[in-house]
Amino acid sequence: MSSSNDWFGTPDEAQLSIDVFREEKELVVRSLVAGVKPQDLDISVHGDLLTIRGKREEEQETSSKESFYRECYWGSFSRSVVLPNEVSSDNAKASLKNGILELRFPIVEGGKRLKVTWEE
């Protein structure tokens, strides 16, 4: 996998699709990661930036001469997204069930706000 400092991934990575929504006092992120082992996922939060990286290994490679359709993506993927609320990543929960990754972050109420002042 590429360096964790590489926010936007590499050109040969696919972009992971995600759903982000609020459920009471939690921010929930869901994504389909069917065929990915938990140990092949790397999830990090830096400030308000969530990054999910992973790799889907093809168990049995098929030669292109025998294929009629090749729509399933195999290989590395990543997704970085700015979270809409300030969250507590220390208290986050992750689960992987039936190919669906679910991340739950407690929302920090009253988060940090920046007040802009104008000089006259």
PDB file of N, CA and C in Angstrom:
ATOM      1  N   MET A   1       0.829  -1.176   0.000  1.00  0.00           N
ATOM      2  CA  MET A   1       0.000   0.000   0.000  1.00  0.00           C
ATOM      3  C   MET A   1       0.870   1.235   0.000  1.00  0.00           C
ATOM      4  N   SER A   2       0.292   2.344  -0.407  1.00  0.00           N
ATOM      5  CA  SER A   2       1.048   3.585  -0.471  1.00  0.00           C
ATOM      6  C   SER A   2       1.207   4.203   0.909  1.00  0.00           C
ATOM      7  N   SER A   3       2.054   5.204   0.991  1.00  0.00           N
ATOM      8  CA  SER A   3       2.371   5.885   2.237  1.00  0.00           C
ATOM      9  C   SER A   3       1.128   6.521   2.844  1.00  0.00           C
ATOM     10  N   SER A   4       1.057   6.535   4.189  1.00  0.00           N
ATOM     11  CA  SER A   4      -0.099   7.144   4.851  1.00  0.00           C
ATOM     12  C   SER A   4      -0.108   8.659   4.681  1.00  0.00           C
ATOM     13  N   ASN A   5       0.996   9.250   4.235  1.00  0.00           N
ATOM     14  CA  ASN A   5       1.026  10.686   3.978  1.00  0.00           C
ATOM     15  C   ASN A   5       0.410  11.033   2.637  1.00  0.00           C
ATOM     16  N   ASP A   6       0.125  10.045   1.827  1.00  0.00           N
ATOM     17  CA  ASP A   6      -0.423  10.253   0.496  1.00  0.00           C
ATOM     18  C   ASP A   6      -1.939  10.299   0.587  1.00  0.00           C
ATOM     19  N   TRP A   7      -2.512  11.499   0.768  1.00  0.00           N
ATOM     20  CA  TRP A   7      -3.940  11.658   1.008  1.00  0.00           C
ATOM     21  C   TRP A   7      -4.805  11.182  -0.135  1.00  0.00           C
ATOM     22  N   PHE A   8      -4.335  11.355  -1.350  1.00  0.00           N
ATOM     23  CA  PHE A   8      -5.197  11.106  -2.500  1.00  0.00           C
ATOM     24  C   PHE A   8      -4.922   9.773  -3.175  1.00  0.00           C
ATOM     25  N   GLY A   9      -4.121   8.929  -2.578  1.00  0.00           N
ATOM     26  CA  GLY A   9      -3.859   7.622  -3.145  1.00  0.00           C
ATOM     27  C   GLY A   9      -2.961   7.702  -4.360  1.00  0.00           C
ATOM     28  N   THR A  10      -2.847   6.591  -5.024  1.00  0.00           N
ATOM     29  CA  THR A  10      -2.036   6.530  -6.227  1.00  0.00           C
ATOM     30  C   THR A  10      -2.948   6.317  -7.417  1.00  0.00           C
ATOM     31  N   PRO A  11      -2.481   6.623  -8.625  1.00  0.00           N
ATOM     32  CA  PRO A  11      -3.345   6.501  -9.794  1.00  0.00           C
ATOM     33  C   PRO A  11      -3.902   5.096 -10.017  1.00  0.00           C
ATOM     34  N   ASP A  12      -3.229   4.061  -9.505  1.00  0.00           N
ATOM     35  CA  ASP A  12      -3.703   2.699  -9.734  1.00  0.00           C
ATOM     36  C   ASP A  12      -4.654   2.212  -8.634  1.00  0.00           C
ATOM     37  N   GLU A  13      -5.082   3.109  -7.729  1.00  0.00           N
ATOM     38  CA  GLU A  13      -6.041   2.748  -6.696  1.00  0.00           C
ATOM     39  C   GLU A  13      -7.451   3.120  -7.132  1.00  0.00           C
ATOM     40  N   ALA A  14      -8.397   2.268  -6.787  1.00  0.00           N
ATOM     41  CA  ALA A  14      -9.803   2.584  -7.038  1.00  0.00           C
ATOM     42  C   ALA A  14     -10.316   3.439  -5.886  1.00  0.00           C
ATOM     43  N   GLN A  15     -11.365   4.207  -6.136  1.00  0.00           N
ATOM     44  CA  GLN A  15     -11.968   5.017  -5.077  1.00  0.00           C
ATOM     45  C   GLN A  15     -13.109   4.244  -4.444  1.00  0.00           C
ATOM     46  N   LEU A  16     -13.088   4.161  -3.132  1.00  0.00           N
ATOM     47  CA  LEU A  16     -14.096   3.447  -2.365  1.00  0.00           C
ATOM     48  C   LEU A  16     -15.361   4.302  -2.249  1.00  0.00           C
ATOM     49  N   SER A  17     -16.520   3.705  -2.435  1.00  0.00           N
ATOM     50  CA  SER A  17     -17.793   4.407  -2.261  1.00  0.00           C
ATOM     51  C   SER A  17     -18.181   4.356  -0.783  1.00  0.00           C
ATOM     52  N   ILE A  18     -18.712   5.471  -0.267  1.00  0.00           N
ATOM     53  CA  ILE A  18     -19.094   5.515   1.145  1.00  0.00           C
ATOM     54  C   ILE A  18     -20.426   6.236   1.324  1.00  0.00           C
ATOM     55  N   ASP A  19     -21.078   5.962   2.442  1.00  0.00           N
ATOM     56  CA  ASP A  19     -22.242   6.709   2.911  1.00  0.00           C
ATOM     57  C   ASP A  19     -21.829   7.330   4.235  1.00  0.00           C
ATOM     58  N   VAL A  20     -22.145   8.602   4.438  1.00  0.00           N
ATOM     59  CA  VAL A  20     -21.858   9.294   5.696  1.00  0.00           C
ATOM     60  C   VAL A  20     -23.160   9.947   6.157  1.00  0.00           C
ATOM     61  N   PHE A  21     -23.560   9.666   7.393  1.00  0.00           N
ATOM     62  CA  PHE A  21     -24.786  10.256   7.917  1.00  0.00           C
ATOM     63  C   PHE A  21     -24.714  10.346   9.437  1.00  0.00           C
ATOM     64  N   ARG A  22     -25.603  11.153   9.998  1.00  0.00           N
ATOM     65  CA  ARG A  22     -25.669  11.339  11.443  1.00  0.00           C
ATOM     66  C   ARG A  22     -26.806  10.514  11.998  1.00  0.00           C
ATOM     67  N   GLU A  23     -26.543   9.835  13.104  1.00  0.00           N
ATOM     68  CA  GLU A  23     -27.558   9.058  13.807  1.00  0.00           C
ATOM     69  C   GLU A  23     -27.478   9.464  15.273  1.00  0.00           C
ATOM     70  N   GLU A  24     -28.384  10.306  15.696  1.00  0.00           N
ATOM     71  CA  GLU A  24     -28.395  10.886  17.035  1.00  0.00           C
ATOM     72  C   GLU A  24     -27.067  11.583  17.322  1.00  0.00           C
ATOM     73  N   LYS A  25     -26.253  11.069  18.235  1.00  0.00           N
ATOM     74  CA  LYS A  25     -25.004  11.740  18.616  1.00  0.00           C
ATOM     75  C   LYS A  25     -23.779  11.069  18.013  1.00  0.00           C
ATOM     76  N   GLU A  26     -23.993  10.314  16.930  1.00  0.00           N
ATOM     77  CA  GLU A  26     -22.883   9.632  16.264  1.00  0.00           C
ATOM     78  C   GLU A  26     -22.847   9.976  14.778  1.00  0.00           C
ATOM     79  N   LEU A  27     -21.655  10.033  14.242  1.00  0.00           N
ATOM     80  CA  LEU A  27     -21.460  10.145  12.807  1.00  0.00           C
ATOM     81  C   LEU A  27     -21.155   8.738  12.313  1.00  0.00           C
ATOM     82  N   VAL A  28     -21.905   8.277  11.318  1.00  0.00           N
ATOM     83  CA  VAL A  28     -21.774   6.902  10.834  1.00  0.00           C
ATOM     84  C   VAL A  28     -21.243   6.925   9.409  1.00  0.00           C
ATOM     85  N   VAL A  29     -20.251   6.076   9.153  1.00  0.00           N
ATOM     86  CA  VAL A  29     -19.687   5.907   7.807  1.00  0.00           C
ATOM     87  C   VAL A  29     -19.849   4.439   7.449  1.00  0.00           C
ATOM     88  N   ARG A  30     -20.469   4.182   6.283  1.00  0.00           N
ATOM     89  CA  ARG A  30     -20.644   2.800   5.818  1.00  0.00           C
ATOM     90  C   ARG A  30     -20.076   2.663   4.421  1.00  0.00           C
ATOM     91  N   SER A  31     -19.531   1.480   4.164  1.00  0.00           N
ATOM     92  CA  SER A  31     -18.978   1.205   2.851  1.00  0.00           C
ATOM     93  C   SER A  31     -19.030  -0.291   2.556  1.00  0.00           C
ATOM     94  N   LEU A  32     -19.245  -0.628   1.297  1.00  0.00           N
ATOM     95  CA  LEU A  32     -19.205  -2.023   0.876  1.00  0.00           C
ATOM     96  C   LEU A  32     -17.758  -2.419   0.619  1.00  0.00           C
ATOM     97  N   VAL A  33     -17.277  -3.390   1.376  1.00  0.00           N
ATOM     98  CA  VAL A  33     -15.903  -3.862   1.208  1.00  0.00           C
ATOM     99  C   VAL A  33     -15.894  -5.393   1.102  1.00  0.00           C
ATOM    100  N   ALA A  34     -16.880  -5.927   0.394  1.00  0.00           N
ATOM    101  CA  ALA A  34     -16.998  -7.375   0.247  1.00  0.00           C
ATOM    102  C   ALA A  34     -15.701  -7.971  -0.282  1.00  0.00           C
ATOM    103  N   GLY A  35     -15.297  -9.075   0.301  1.00  0.00           N
ATOM    104  CA  GLY A  35     -14.085  -9.761  -0.137  1.00  0.00           C
ATOM    105  C   GLY A  35     -12.808  -9.223   0.474  1.00  0.00           C
ATOM    106  N   VAL A  36     -12.918  -8.235   1.354  1.00  0.00           N
ATOM    107  CA  VAL A  36     -11.742  -7.645   2.000  1.00  0.00           C
ATOM    108  C   VAL A  36     -11.645  -8.189   3.420  1.00  0.00           C
ATOM    109  N   LYS A  37     -10.462  -8.659   3.789  1.00  0.00           N
ATOM    110  CA  LYS A  37     -10.227  -9.155   5.139  1.00  0.00           C
ATOM    111  C   LYS A  37      -9.968  -7.958   6.057  1.00  0.00           C
ATOM    112  N   PRO A  38     -10.412  -8.035   7.313  1.00  0.00           N
ATOM    113  CA  PRO A  38     -10.184  -6.919   8.248  1.00  0.00           C
ATOM    114  C   PRO A  38      -8.710  -6.502   8.332  1.00  0.00           C
ATOM    115  N   GLN A  39      -7.796  -7.445   8.265  1.00  0.00           N
ATOM    116  CA  GLN A  39      -6.374  -7.112   8.352  1.00  0.00           C
ATOM    117  C   GLN A  39      -5.862  -6.399   7.097  1.00  0.00           C
ATOM    118  N   ASP A  40      -6.656  -6.379   6.026  1.00  0.00           N
ATOM    119  CA  ASP A  40      -6.281  -5.677   4.800  1.00  0.00           C
ATOM    120  C   ASP A  40      -6.889  -4.276   4.729  1.00  0.00           C
ATOM    121  N   LEU A  41      -7.479  -3.804   5.839  1.00  0.00           N
ATOM    122  CA  LEU A  41      -8.043  -2.462   5.912  1.00  0.00           C
ATOM    123  C   LEU A  41      -7.175  -1.583   6.812  1.00  0.00           C
ATOM    124  N   ASP A  42      -6.988  -0.346   6.403  1.00  0.00           N
ATOM    125  CA  ASP A  42      -6.260   0.646   7.191  1.00  0.00           C
ATOM    126  C   ASP A  42      -7.162   1.869   7.282  1.00  0.00           C
ATOM    127  N   ILE A  43      -7.603   2.191   8.499  1.00  0.00           N
ATOM    128  CA  ILE A  43      -8.517   3.311   8.720  1.00  0.00           C
ATOM    129  C   ILE A  43      -7.828   4.304   9.635  1.00  0.00           C
ATOM    130  N   SER A  44      -7.795   5.576   9.216  1.00  0.00           N
ATOM    131  CA  SER A  44      -7.156   6.594  10.048  1.00  0.00           C
ATOM    132  C   SER A  44      -7.948   7.884  10.013  1.00  0.00           C
ATOM    133  N   VAL A  45      -7.857   8.641  11.113  1.00  0.00           N
ATOM    134  CA  VAL A  45      -8.476   9.956  11.211  1.00  0.00           C
ATOM    135  C   VAL A  45      -7.389  10.922  11.643  1.00  0.00           C
ATOM    136  N   HIS A  46      -7.194  11.961  10.842  1.00  0.00           N
ATOM    137  CA  HIS A  46      -6.249  13.030  11.155  1.00  0.00           C
ATOM    138  C   HIS A  46      -7.035  14.330  11.119  1.00  0.00           C
ATOM    139  N   GLY A  47      -7.286  14.899  12.303  1.00  0.00           N
ATOM    140  CA  GLY A  47      -8.125  16.095  12.358  1.00  0.00           C
ATOM    141  C   GLY A  47      -9.523  15.736  11.901  1.00  0.00           C
ATOM    142  N   ASP A  48     -10.002  16.384  10.836  1.00  0.00           N
ATOM    143  CA  ASP A  48     -11.336  16.078  10.311  1.00  0.00           C
ATOM    144  C   ASP A  48     -11.281  15.241   9.032  1.00  0.00           C
ATOM    145  N   LEU A  49     -10.112  14.669   8.728  1.00  0.00           N
ATOM    146  CA  LEU A  49      -9.945  13.885   7.507  1.00  0.00           C
ATOM    147  C   LEU A  49      -9.930  12.387   7.826  1.00  0.00           C
ATOM    148  N   LEU A  50     -10.917  11.666   7.285  1.00  0.00           N
ATOM    149  CA  LEU A  50     -11.002  10.218   7.432  1.00  0.00           C
ATOM    150  C   LEU A  50     -10.425   9.579   6.179  1.00  0.00           C
ATOM    151  N   THR A  51      -9.529   8.617   6.348  1.00  0.00           N
ATOM    152  CA  THR A  51      -8.972   7.879   5.217  1.00  0.00           C
ATOM    153  C   THR A  51      -9.169   6.391   5.444  1.00  0.00           C
ATOM    154  N   ILE A  52      -9.723   5.731   4.434  1.00  0.00           N
ATOM    155  CA  ILE A  52      -9.901   4.275   4.454  1.00  0.00           C
ATOM    156  C   ILE A  52      -9.115   3.727   3.274  1.00  0.00           C
ATOM    157  N   ARG A  53      -8.208   2.810   3.543  1.00  0.00           N
ATOM    158  CA  ARG A  53      -7.421   2.156   2.493  1.00  0.00           C
ATOM    159  C   ARG A  53      -7.569   0.648   2.649  1.00  0.00           C
ATOM    160  N   GLY A  54      -7.473  -0.041   1.546  1.00  0.00           N
ATOM    161  CA  GLY A  54      -7.554  -1.484   1.621  1.00  0.00           C
ATOM    162  C   GLY A  54      -7.115  -2.135   0.327  1.00  0.00           C
ATOM    163  N   LYS A  55      -7.230  -3.451   0.352  1.00  0.00           N
ATOM    164  CA  LYS A  55      -6.840  -4.226  -0.823  1.00  0.00           C
ATOM    165  C   LYS A  55      -7.756  -5.436  -0.912  1.00  0.00           C
ATOM    166  N   ARG A  56      -8.264  -5.671  -2.105  1.00  0.00           N
ATOM    167  CA  ARG A  56      -9.111  -6.830  -2.372  1.00  0.00           C
ATOM    168  C   ARG A  56      -8.314  -7.771  -3.266  1.00  0.00           C
ATOM    169  N   GLU A  57      -7.999  -8.930  -2.728  1.00  0.00           N
ATOM    170  CA  GLU A  57      -7.199  -9.915  -3.467  1.00  0.00           C
ATOM    171  C   GLU A  57      -8.108 -10.852  -4.260  1.00  0.00           C
ATOM    172  N   GLU A  58      -7.740 -11.085  -5.493  1.00  0.00           N
ATOM    173  CA  GLU A  58      -8.472 -12.051  -6.312  1.00  0.00           C
ATOM    174  C   GLU A  58      -7.966 -13.433  -5.940  1.00  0.00           C
ATOM    175  N   GLU A  59      -8.873 -14.299  -5.485  1.00  0.00           N
ATOM    176  CA  GLU A  59      -8.467 -15.624  -5.015  1.00  0.00           C
ATOM    177  C   GLU A  59      -7.991 -16.520  -6.150  1.00  0.00           C
ATOM    178  N   GLN A  60      -8.600 -16.392  -7.291  1.00  0.00           N
ATOM    179  CA  GLN A  60      -8.243 -17.228  -8.421  1.00  0.00           C
ATOM    180  C   GLN A  60      -8.194 -16.344  -9.660  1.00  0.00           C
ATOM    181  N   GLU A  61      -7.006 -16.130 -10.179  1.00  0.00           N
ATOM    182  CA  GLU A  61      -6.856 -15.259 -11.337  1.00  0.00           C
ATOM    183  C   GLU A  61      -7.338 -15.971 -12.601  1.00  0.00           C
ATOM    184  N   THR A  62      -8.021 -15.218 -13.454  1.00  0.00           N
ATOM    185  CA  THR A  62      -8.562 -15.745 -14.696  1.00  0.00           C
ATOM    186  C   THR A  62      -7.884 -15.031 -15.854  1.00  0.00           C
ATOM    187  N   SER A  63      -7.494 -15.772 -16.853  1.00  0.00           N
ATOM    188  CA  SER A  63      -6.869 -15.118 -18.000  1.00  0.00           C
ATOM    189  C   SER A  63      -7.928 -14.352 -18.784  1.00  0.00           C
ATOM    190  N   SER A  64      -7.535 -13.230 -19.386  1.00  0.00           N
ATOM    191  CA  SER A  64      -8.490 -12.393 -20.118  1.00  0.00           C
ATOM    192  C   SER A  64      -9.083 -13.109 -21.325  1.00  0.00           C
ATOM    193  N   LYS A  65      -8.417 -14.141 -21.823  1.00  0.00           N
ATOM    194  CA  LYS A  65      -8.948 -14.889 -22.973  1.00  0.00           C
ATOM    195  C   LYS A  65     -10.196 -15.680 -22.599  1.00  0.00           C
ATOM    196  N   GLU A  66     -10.350 -16.020 -21.319  1.00  0.00           N
ATOM    197  CA  GLU A  66     -11.489 -16.815 -20.869  1.00  0.00           C
ATOM    198  C   GLU A  66     -12.621 -15.951 -20.322  1.00  0.00           C
ATOM    199  N   SER A  67     -12.414 -14.653 -20.180  1.00  0.00           N
ATOM    200  CA  SER A  67     -13.409 -13.775 -19.546  1.00  0.00           C
ATOM    201  C   SER A  67     -14.403 -13.221 -20.550  1.00  0.00           C
ATOM    202  N   PHE A  68     -15.651 -13.115 -20.110  1.00  0.00           N
ATOM    203  CA  PHE A  68     -16.690 -12.474 -20.900  1.00  0.00           C
ATOM    204  C   PHE A  68     -17.020 -11.097 -20.321  1.00  0.00           C
ATOM    205  N   TYR A  69     -16.965 -10.982 -18.986  1.00  0.00           N
ATOM    206  CA  TYR A  69     -17.169  -9.708 -18.293  1.00  0.00           C
ATOM    207  C   TYR A  69     -16.111  -9.600 -17.204  1.00  0.00           C
ATOM    208  N   ARG A  70     -15.573  -8.408 -17.006  1.00  0.00           N
ATOM    209  CA  ARG A  70     -14.606  -8.154 -15.919  1.00  0.00           C
ATOM    210  C   ARG A  70     -15.027  -6.862 -15.224  1.00  0.00           C
ATOM    211  N   GLU A  71     -16.044  -6.939 -14.360  1.00  0.00           N
ATOM    212  CA  GLU A  71     -16.580  -5.757 -13.696  1.00  0.00           C
ATOM    213  C   GLU A  71     -16.151  -5.637 -12.239  1.00  0.00           C
ATOM    214  N   CYS A  72     -15.725  -6.719 -11.632  1.00  0.00           N
ATOM    215  CA  CYS A  72     -15.317  -6.681 -10.231  1.00  0.00           C
ATOM    216  C   CYS A  72     -13.917  -6.092 -10.130  1.00  0.00           C
ATOM    217  N   TYR A  73     -13.741  -5.191  -9.156  1.00  0.00           N
ATOM    218  CA  TYR A  73     -12.436  -4.561  -8.983  1.00  0.00           C
ATOM    219  C   TYR A  73     -11.598  -5.374  -8.006  1.00  0.00           C
ATOM    220  N   TRP A  74     -10.367  -5.669  -8.402  1.00  0.00           N
ATOM    221  CA  TRP A  74      -9.400  -6.374  -7.570  1.00  0.00           C
ATOM    222  C   TRP A  74      -8.175  -5.492  -7.451  1.00  0.00           C
ATOM    223  N   GLY A  75      -7.674  -5.332  -6.252  1.00  0.00           N
ATOM    224  CA  GLY A  75      -6.481  -4.532  -6.033  1.00  0.00           C
ATOM    225  C   GLY A  75      -6.699  -3.520  -4.926  1.00  0.00           C
ATOM    226  N   SER A  76      -5.859  -2.491  -4.911  1.00  0.00           N
ATOM    227  CA  SER A  76      -5.889  -1.479  -3.852  1.00  0.00           C
ATOM    228  C   SER A  76      -6.990  -0.454  -4.095  1.00  0.00           C
ATOM    229  N   PHE A  77      -7.549   0.054  -2.996  1.00  0.00           N
ATOM    230  CA  PHE A  77      -8.537   1.124  -3.063  1.00  0.00           C
ATOM    231  C   PHE A  77      -8.314   2.044  -1.872  1.00  0.00           C
ATOM    232  N   SER A  78      -8.817   3.257  -1.999  1.00  0.00           N
ATOM    233  CA  SER A  78      -8.741   4.199  -0.876  1.00  0.00           C
ATOM    234  C   SER A  78      -9.826   5.253  -1.026  1.00  0.00           C
ATOM    235  N   ARG A  79     -10.079   5.941   0.084  1.00  0.00           N
ATOM    236  CA  ARG A  79     -11.013   7.054   0.072  1.00  0.00           C
ATOM    237  C   ARG A  79     -10.669   7.965   1.233  1.00  0.00           C
ATOM    238  N   SER A  80     -10.529   9.234   0.952  1.00  0.00           N
ATOM    239  CA  SER A  80     -10.343  10.247   1.982  1.00  0.00           C
ATOM    240  C   SER A  80     -11.507  11.210   1.880  1.00  0.00           C
ATOM    241  N   VAL A  81     -12.073  11.570   3.036  1.00  0.00           N
ATOM    242  CA  VAL A  81     -13.221  12.467   3.060  1.00  0.00           C
ATOM    243  C   VAL A  81     -13.116  13.347   4.305  1.00  0.00           C
ATOM    244  N   VAL A  82     -13.491  14.613   4.134  1.00  0.00           N
ATOM    245  CA  VAL A  82     -13.556  15.525   5.264  1.00  0.00           C
ATOM    246  C   VAL A  82     -14.867  15.262   5.988  1.00  0.00           C
ATOM    247  N   LEU A  83     -14.782  14.971   7.281  1.00  0.00           N
ATOM    248  CA  LEU A  83     -15.980  14.684   8.065  1.00  0.00           C
ATOM    249  C   LEU A  83     -16.758  15.968   8.344  1.00  0.00           C
ATOM    250  N   PRO A  84     -18.086  15.914   8.283  1.00  0.00           N
ATOM    251  CA  PRO A  84     -18.898  17.125   8.442  1.00  0.00           C
ATOM    252  C   PRO A  84     -19.023  17.618   9.882  1.00  0.00           C
ATOM    253  N   ASN A  85     -18.652  16.789  10.860  1.00  0.00           N
ATOM    254  CA  ASN A  85     -18.711  17.163  12.264  1.00  0.00           C
ATOM    255  C   ASN A  85     -17.391  16.810  12.925  1.00  0.00           C
ATOM    256  N   GLU A  86     -17.072  17.514  14.022  1.00  0.00           N
ATOM    257  CA  GLU A  86     -15.908  17.127  14.803  1.00  0.00           C
ATOM    258  C   GLU A  86     -16.280  15.861  15.566  1.00  0.00           C
ATOM    259  N   VAL A  87     -15.390  14.876  15.541  1.00  0.00           N
ATOM    260  CA  VAL A  87     -15.672  13.587  16.172  1.00  0.00           C
ATOM    261  C   VAL A  87     -14.554  13.218  17.136  1.00  0.00           C
ATOM    262  N   SER A  88     -14.872  12.271  18.014  1.00  0.00           N
ATOM    263  CA  SER A  88     -13.890  11.715  18.934  1.00  0.00           C
ATOM    264  C   SER A  88     -13.404  10.398  18.344  1.00  0.00           C
ATOM    265  N   SER A  89     -12.247  10.423  17.691  1.00  0.00           N
ATOM    266  CA  SER A  89     -11.741   9.195  17.068  1.00  0.00           C
ATOM    267  C   SER A  89     -11.254   8.197  18.111  1.00  0.00           C
ATOM    268  N   ASP A  90     -10.942   8.671  19.336  1.00  0.00           N
ATOM    269  CA  ASP A  90     -10.499   7.763  20.404  1.00  0.00           C
ATOM    270  C   ASP A  90     -11.608   6.808  20.823  1.00  0.00           C
ATOM    271  N   ASN A  91     -12.858   7.216  20.656  1.00  0.00           N
ATOM    272  CA  ASN A  91     -13.998   6.395  21.071  1.00  0.00           C
ATOM    273  C   ASN A  91     -14.755   5.811  19.885  1.00  0.00           C
ATOM    274  N   ALA A  92     -14.112   5.756  18.736  1.00  0.00           N
ATOM    275  CA  ALA A  92     -14.755   5.231  17.526  1.00  0.00           C
ATOM    276  C   ALA A  92     -14.910   3.720  17.620  1.00  0.00           C
ATOM    277  N   LYS A  93     -15.909   3.208  16.915  1.00  0.00           N
ATOM    278  CA  LYS A  93     -16.153   1.764  16.848  1.00  0.00           C
ATOM    279  C   LYS A  93     -16.189   1.364  15.379  1.00  0.00           C
ATOM    280  N   ALA A  94     -15.613   0.216  15.074  1.00  0.00           N
ATOM    281  CA  ALA A  94     -15.619  -0.299  13.702  1.00  0.00           C
ATOM    282  C   ALA A  94     -16.161  -1.718  13.710  1.00  0.00           C
ATOM    283  N   SER A  95     -16.959  -2.028  12.682  1.00  0.00           N
ATOM    284  CA  SER A  95     -17.444  -3.400  12.535  1.00  0.00           C
ATOM    285  C   SER A  95     -17.445  -3.761  11.053  1.00  0.00           C
ATOM    286  N   LEU A  96     -17.278  -5.043  10.796  1.00  0.00           N
ATOM    287  CA  LEU A  96     -17.300  -5.563   9.426  1.00  0.00           C
ATOM    288  C   LEU A  96     -18.204  -6.785   9.443  1.00  0.00           C
ATOM    289  N   LYS A  97     -19.374  -6.636   8.811  1.00  0.00           N
ATOM    290  CA  LYS A  97     -20.355  -7.713   8.825  1.00  0.00           C
ATOM    291  C   LYS A  97     -20.988  -7.829   7.450  1.00  0.00           C
ATOM    292  N   ASN A  98     -21.009  -9.035   6.905  1.00  0.00           N
ATOM    293  CA  ASN A  98     -21.609  -9.301   5.599  1.00  0.00           C
ATOM    294  C   ASN A  98     -21.059  -8.385   4.511  1.00  0.00           C
ATOM    295  N   GLY A  99     -19.772  -8.071   4.590  1.00  0.00           N
ATOM    296  CA  GLY A  99     -19.132  -7.251   3.563  1.00  0.00           C
ATOM    297  C   GLY A  99     -19.362  -5.759   3.700  1.00  0.00           C
ATOM    298  N   ILE A 100     -19.998  -5.332   4.803  1.00  0.00           N
ATOM    299  CA  ILE A 100     -20.251  -3.910   5.022  1.00  0.00           C
ATOM    300  C   ILE A 100     -19.400  -3.425   6.193  1.00  0.00           C
ATOM    301  N   LEU A 101     -18.552  -2.439   5.906  1.00  0.00           N
ATOM    302  CA  LEU A 101     -17.752  -1.792   6.939  1.00  0.00           C
ATOM    303  C   LEU A 101     -18.588  -0.672   7.528  1.00  0.00           C
ATOM    304  N   GLU A 102     -18.680  -0.640   8.861  1.00  0.00           N
ATOM    305  CA  GLU A 102     -19.394   0.445   9.522  1.00  0.00           C
ATOM    306  C   GLU A 102     -18.491   1.054  10.579  1.00  0.00           C
ATOM    307  N   LEU A 103     -18.316   2.373  10.485  1.00  0.00           N
ATOM    308  CA  LEU A 103     -17.547   3.133  11.455  1.00  0.00           C
ATOM    309  C   LEU A 103     -18.507   4.054  12.186  1.00  0.00           C
ATOM    310  N   ARG A 104     -18.396   4.117  13.512  1.00  0.00           N
ATOM    311  CA  ARG A 104     -19.243   4.990  14.321  1.00  0.00           C
ATOM    312  C   ARG A 104     -18.352   5.878  15.171  1.00  0.00           C
ATOM    313  N   PHE A 105     -18.530   7.189  14.995  1.00  0.00           N
ATOM    314  CA  PHE A 105     -17.744   8.178  15.719  1.00  0.00           C
ATOM    315  C   PHE A 105     -18.675   9.023  16.586  1.00  0.00           C
ATOM    316  N   PRO A 106     -18.395   9.131  17.906  1.00  0.00           N
ATOM    317  CA  PRO A 106     -19.170  10.066  18.719  1.00  0.00           C
ATOM    318  C   PRO A 106     -18.901  11.495  18.245  1.00  0.00           C
ATOM    319  N   ILE A 107     -19.966  12.268  18.090  1.00  0.00           N
ATOM    320  CA  ILE A 107     -19.823  13.664  17.663  1.00  0.00           C
ATOM    321  C   ILE A 107     -19.472  14.510  18.884  1.00  0.00           C
ATOM    322  N   VAL A 108     -18.472  15.363  18.729  1.00  0.00           N
ATOM    323  CA  VAL A 108     -18.083  16.285  19.782  1.00  0.00           C
ATOM    324  C   VAL A 108     -18.958  17.520  19.632  1.00  0.00           C
ATOM    325  N   GLU A 109     -19.876  17.701  20.577  1.00  0.00           N
ATOM    326  CA  GLU A 109     -20.793  18.841  20.512  1.00  0.00           C
ATOM    327  C   GLU A 109     -20.043  20.138  20.788  1.00  0.00           C
ATOM    328  N   GLY A 110     -20.437  21.169  20.098  1.00  0.00           N
ATOM    329  CA  GLY A 110     -19.832  22.472  20.300  1.00  0.00           C
ATOM    330  C   GLY A 110     -18.417  22.548  19.790  1.00  0.00           C
ATOM    331  N   GLY A 111     -18.004  21.598  18.974  1.00  0.00           N
ATOM    332  CA  GLY A 111     -16.650  21.514  18.431  1.00  0.00           C
ATOM    333  C   GLY A 111     -15.934  22.839  18.268  1.00  0.00           C
ATOM    334  N   LYS A 112     -14.797  22.795  17.698  1.00  0.00           N
ATOM    335  CA  LYS A 112     -13.985  23.997  17.513  1.00  0.00           C
ATOM    336  C   LYS A 112     -14.589  24.887  16.433  1.00  0.00           C
ATOM    337  N   ARG A 113     -14.653  26.159  16.728  1.00  0.00           N
ATOM    338  CA  ARG A 113     -15.118  27.132  15.748  1.00  0.00           C
ATOM    339  C   ARG A 113     -14.058  28.199  15.613  1.00  0.00           C
ATOM    340  N   LEU A 114     -13.907  28.667  14.430  1.00  0.00           N
ATOM    341  CA  LEU A 114     -12.939  29.730  14.152  1.00  0.00           C
ATOM    342  C   LEU A 114     -13.704  31.011  13.902  1.00  0.00           C
ATOM    343  N   LYS A 115     -13.413  32.010  14.697  1.00  0.00           N
ATOM    344  CA  LYS A 115     -14.068  33.306  14.505  1.00  0.00           C
ATOM    345  C   LYS A 115     -13.144  34.176  13.672  1.00  0.00           C
ATOM    346  N   VAL A 116     -13.667  34.684  12.591  1.00  0.00           N
ATOM    347  CA  VAL A 116     -12.896  35.540  11.701  1.00  0.00           C
ATOM    348  C   VAL A 116     -13.177  36.984  12.075  1.00  0.00           C
ATOM    349  N   THR A 117     -12.131  37.742  12.269  1.00  0.00           N
ATOM    350  CA  THR A 117     -12.303  39.172  12.545  1.00  0.00           C
ATOM    351  C   THR A 117     -11.738  39.946  11.371  1.00  0.00           C
ATOM    352  N   TRP A 118     -12.381  41.038  11.075  1.00  0.00           N
ATOM    353  CA  TRP A 118     -11.975  41.856   9.928  1.00  0.00           C
ATOM    354  C   TRP A 118     -11.229  43.089  10.423  1.00  0.00           C
ATOM    355  N   GLU A 119     -10.139  43.351   9.789  1.00  0.00           N
ATOM    356  CA  GLU A 119      -9.391  44.570  10.097  1.00  0.00           C
ATOM    357  C   GLU A 119      -9.928  45.700   9.237  1.00  0.00           C
ATOM    358  N   GLU A 120     -10.127  46.848   9.850  1.00  0.00           N
ATOM    359  CA  GLU A 120     -10.633  47.988   9.079  1.00  0.00           C
ATOM    360  C   GLU A 120      -9.537  48.966   8.784  1.00  0.00           C
TER     361      GLU A 120
END
